Protein backbone atom coordinates (compact mmCIF):
# COMPACT_ATOMS: atom_id res chain seq x y z
CA MET A 1 -7.52 -20.60 -5.58
CA VAL A 2 -4.96 -17.81 -6.11
CA ARG A 3 -4.14 -15.70 -3.03
CA VAL A 4 -2.77 -12.26 -3.88
CA MET A 5 -0.82 -10.16 -1.42
CA ALA A 6 -0.61 -6.38 -1.75
CA VAL A 7 1.50 -4.18 0.50
CA GLY A 8 1.54 -0.49 1.30
CA ILE A 9 1.36 2.29 3.83
CA PHE A 10 -2.17 3.47 2.98
CA ASP A 11 -1.87 6.73 4.90
CA LEU A 12 -4.63 9.14 3.86
CA LEU A 13 -6.59 6.60 1.85
CA HIS A 14 -7.32 7.86 -1.68
CA ALA A 15 -8.39 6.83 -5.19
CA GLY A 16 -4.89 5.59 -6.08
CA HIS A 17 -5.05 3.13 -3.18
CA LEU A 18 -8.49 1.91 -4.26
CA HIS A 19 -7.23 1.44 -7.81
CA TYR A 20 -4.23 -0.53 -6.53
CA VAL A 21 -6.32 -2.97 -4.48
CA GLU A 22 -8.87 -3.32 -7.31
CA ARG A 23 -6.11 -4.24 -9.77
CA ALA A 24 -4.44 -6.54 -7.24
CA ARG A 25 -7.74 -8.32 -6.55
CA SER A 26 -8.32 -8.85 -10.27
CA LEU A 27 -5.17 -11.01 -10.34
CA GLY A 28 -6.59 -13.74 -8.12
CA ASP A 29 -9.40 -15.15 -6.02
CA GLU A 30 -8.48 -13.67 -2.63
CA LEU A 31 -6.69 -10.44 -1.67
CA VAL A 32 -4.75 -10.02 1.55
CA VAL A 33 -3.34 -6.55 2.11
CA VAL A 34 -0.38 -5.97 4.40
CA VAL A 35 -0.53 -2.48 5.88
CA ALA A 36 2.86 -1.16 6.96
CA HIS A 37 3.65 -1.13 10.68
CA ASP A 38 3.93 2.39 12.11
CA ASP A 39 7.64 1.89 12.89
CA THR A 40 8.27 0.82 9.28
CA VAL A 41 6.52 3.97 8.01
CA ARG A 42 8.66 6.12 10.32
CA GLU A 43 11.83 4.37 9.20
CA GLN A 44 11.09 4.48 5.45
CA LYS A 45 9.03 7.63 4.87
CA HIS A 46 7.59 9.86 7.61
CA GLU A 47 5.56 9.96 10.80
CA PRO A 48 2.26 8.27 9.91
CA ILE A 49 -0.73 10.59 9.86
CA THR A 50 -3.05 7.78 10.91
CA GLY A 51 -2.04 4.83 13.06
CA GLN A 52 -1.57 1.31 11.77
CA GLU A 53 -4.78 -0.13 13.24
CA LEU A 54 -6.95 2.62 11.74
CA ARG A 55 -5.18 2.25 8.38
CA ARG A 56 -5.72 -1.52 8.55
CA ARG A 57 -9.43 -1.08 9.33
CA MET A 58 -9.90 1.40 6.50
CA VAL A 59 -8.17 -0.85 3.98
CA GLU A 60 -10.11 -3.89 5.14
CA GLY A 61 -13.30 -1.89 4.57
CA LEU A 62 -12.55 -1.60 0.85
CA LYS A 63 -14.73 -3.96 -1.19
CA PRO A 64 -11.89 -5.72 -3.09
CA VAL A 65 -10.02 -6.56 0.13
CA ASP A 66 -10.71 -9.92 1.77
CA GLN A 67 -8.37 -9.36 4.70
CA ALA A 68 -5.99 -6.64 5.87
CA ILE A 69 -3.25 -7.25 8.42
CA VAL A 70 -0.55 -5.05 9.95
CA GLY A 71 2.93 -5.93 8.78
CA ASN A 72 5.84 -6.81 11.00
CA PRO A 73 7.95 -4.11 12.64
CA PRO A 74 11.27 -3.28 10.92
CA LYS A 75 13.41 -5.55 13.12
CA VAL A 76 11.48 -8.67 12.00
CA PRO A 77 12.72 -10.14 8.71
CA ILE A 78 10.46 -9.01 5.88
CA PHE A 79 9.96 -12.52 4.54
CA GLU A 80 8.32 -13.71 7.78
CA ILE A 81 5.01 -12.14 6.72
CA LEU A 82 4.88 -14.71 3.90
CA GLU A 83 4.39 -17.48 6.48
CA THR A 84 1.27 -15.66 7.69
CA VAL A 85 -0.21 -14.70 4.31
CA LYS A 86 0.98 -17.64 2.16
CA PRO A 87 0.51 -15.76 -1.13
CA ASP A 88 0.69 -17.22 -4.61
CA LEU A 89 1.30 -13.78 -6.08
CA ILE A 90 2.58 -10.42 -4.81
CA ALA A 91 1.07 -7.37 -6.51
CA LEU A 92 3.24 -4.25 -6.39
CA GLY A 93 1.85 -0.78 -6.86
CA TYR A 94 2.97 1.22 -9.87
CA ASP A 95 4.87 3.67 -7.65
CA GLN A 96 6.49 1.21 -5.27
CA LYS A 97 10.25 1.46 -5.60
CA HIS A 98 10.92 -2.26 -5.28
CA SER A 99 12.47 -4.01 -8.27
CA ILE A 100 10.61 -7.15 -9.35
CA GLU A 101 13.95 -8.84 -10.05
CA SER A 102 15.35 -8.12 -6.58
CA ILE A 103 12.13 -9.35 -4.96
CA HIS A 104 12.31 -12.57 -7.00
CA GLU A 105 15.92 -13.04 -5.89
CA GLY A 106 15.01 -12.52 -2.24
CA LEU A 107 12.02 -14.82 -2.49
CA SER A 108 14.13 -17.57 -4.06
CA LYS A 109 16.89 -17.12 -1.49
CA HIS A 110 14.38 -17.63 1.34
CA GLY A 111 12.61 -20.62 -0.24
CA TYR A 112 9.66 -18.75 -1.78
CA GLY A 113 10.68 -18.92 -5.43
CA HIS A 114 7.23 -20.21 -6.38
CA ILE A 115 5.60 -16.83 -5.58
CA GLU A 116 4.92 -14.71 -8.64
CA VAL A 117 5.50 -10.93 -8.51
CA LEU A 118 3.66 -8.46 -10.76
CA ARG A 119 3.40 -4.69 -10.89
CA VAL A 120 -0.04 -3.21 -11.48
CA GLU A 121 -0.52 -0.15 -13.65
CA GLY A 122 -1.26 3.20 -12.10
CA LEU A 123 -4.40 5.27 -12.10
CA SER A 124 -4.49 7.86 -14.85
CA ASP A 125 -5.58 10.56 -12.41
CA ASP A 126 -3.30 13.37 -11.38
CA LEU A 127 -4.35 12.99 -7.72
CA ASP A 128 -3.43 9.33 -7.30
CA GLY A 129 -0.90 9.78 -4.51
CA THR A 130 -0.86 11.18 -0.99
CA ARG A 131 1.92 13.68 -1.74
CA LYS A 132 0.06 14.90 -4.84
CA ILE A 133 -3.12 15.41 -2.82
CA ILE A 134 -1.31 17.31 -0.05
CA SER A 135 0.47 19.45 -2.65
CA ARG A 136 -2.86 20.26 -4.34
CA ILE A 137 -4.44 21.23 -1.00
CA LEU A 138 -1.51 23.52 -0.23
CA ASP A 139 -1.77 25.07 -3.70
CA LEU A 140 -5.45 25.84 -3.06
CA TRP A 141 -4.80 27.23 0.43
CA PRO A 142 -4.32 31.00 0.23
CA SER A 143 -1.33 32.03 2.28
CA ASP A 144 -3.09 35.13 3.62
CA GLU A 145 -6.27 33.32 4.74
CA GLY A 146 -7.17 30.65 7.23
CA GLY A 147 -8.35 28.01 4.77
CA PRO A 148 -8.48 26.80 1.18
CA TYR A 149 -11.87 28.38 0.43
CA GLU A 150 -13.15 31.87 0.89
CA GLU A 151 -16.04 32.29 3.28
CA ASP A 152 -19.41 33.18 1.74
């Protein structure tokens, strides 16, 4: 039994997220997804558009996902989540900035050197990320009108 852990923000759930969890699930027998805590999202990226519990529920509703949990807040050491999940493998998304080598070093330093870390390939779609989707919507939204589509 291989337990895979995937991590992410999952704000504005989209096809790139689905692809990520599908690929992560294909690496093992069980997939546990850690959805970033709202405070972590604020600290690392932006104000979340949807709250952590709604993001967790949406991710858990995806067919490849066996369980989704909210991650620890930023003040809690990042490696503590490993005691909850107990993964055999951590699957990183293609666009996650983390270096596999630095994660391996951190895992080994904290006694988790047995956990494998892999990066999954990305989706070959041009709308595979939240920023890309927002940018596309803004491109379609005429500046002199109230919405992206003309009224009939």
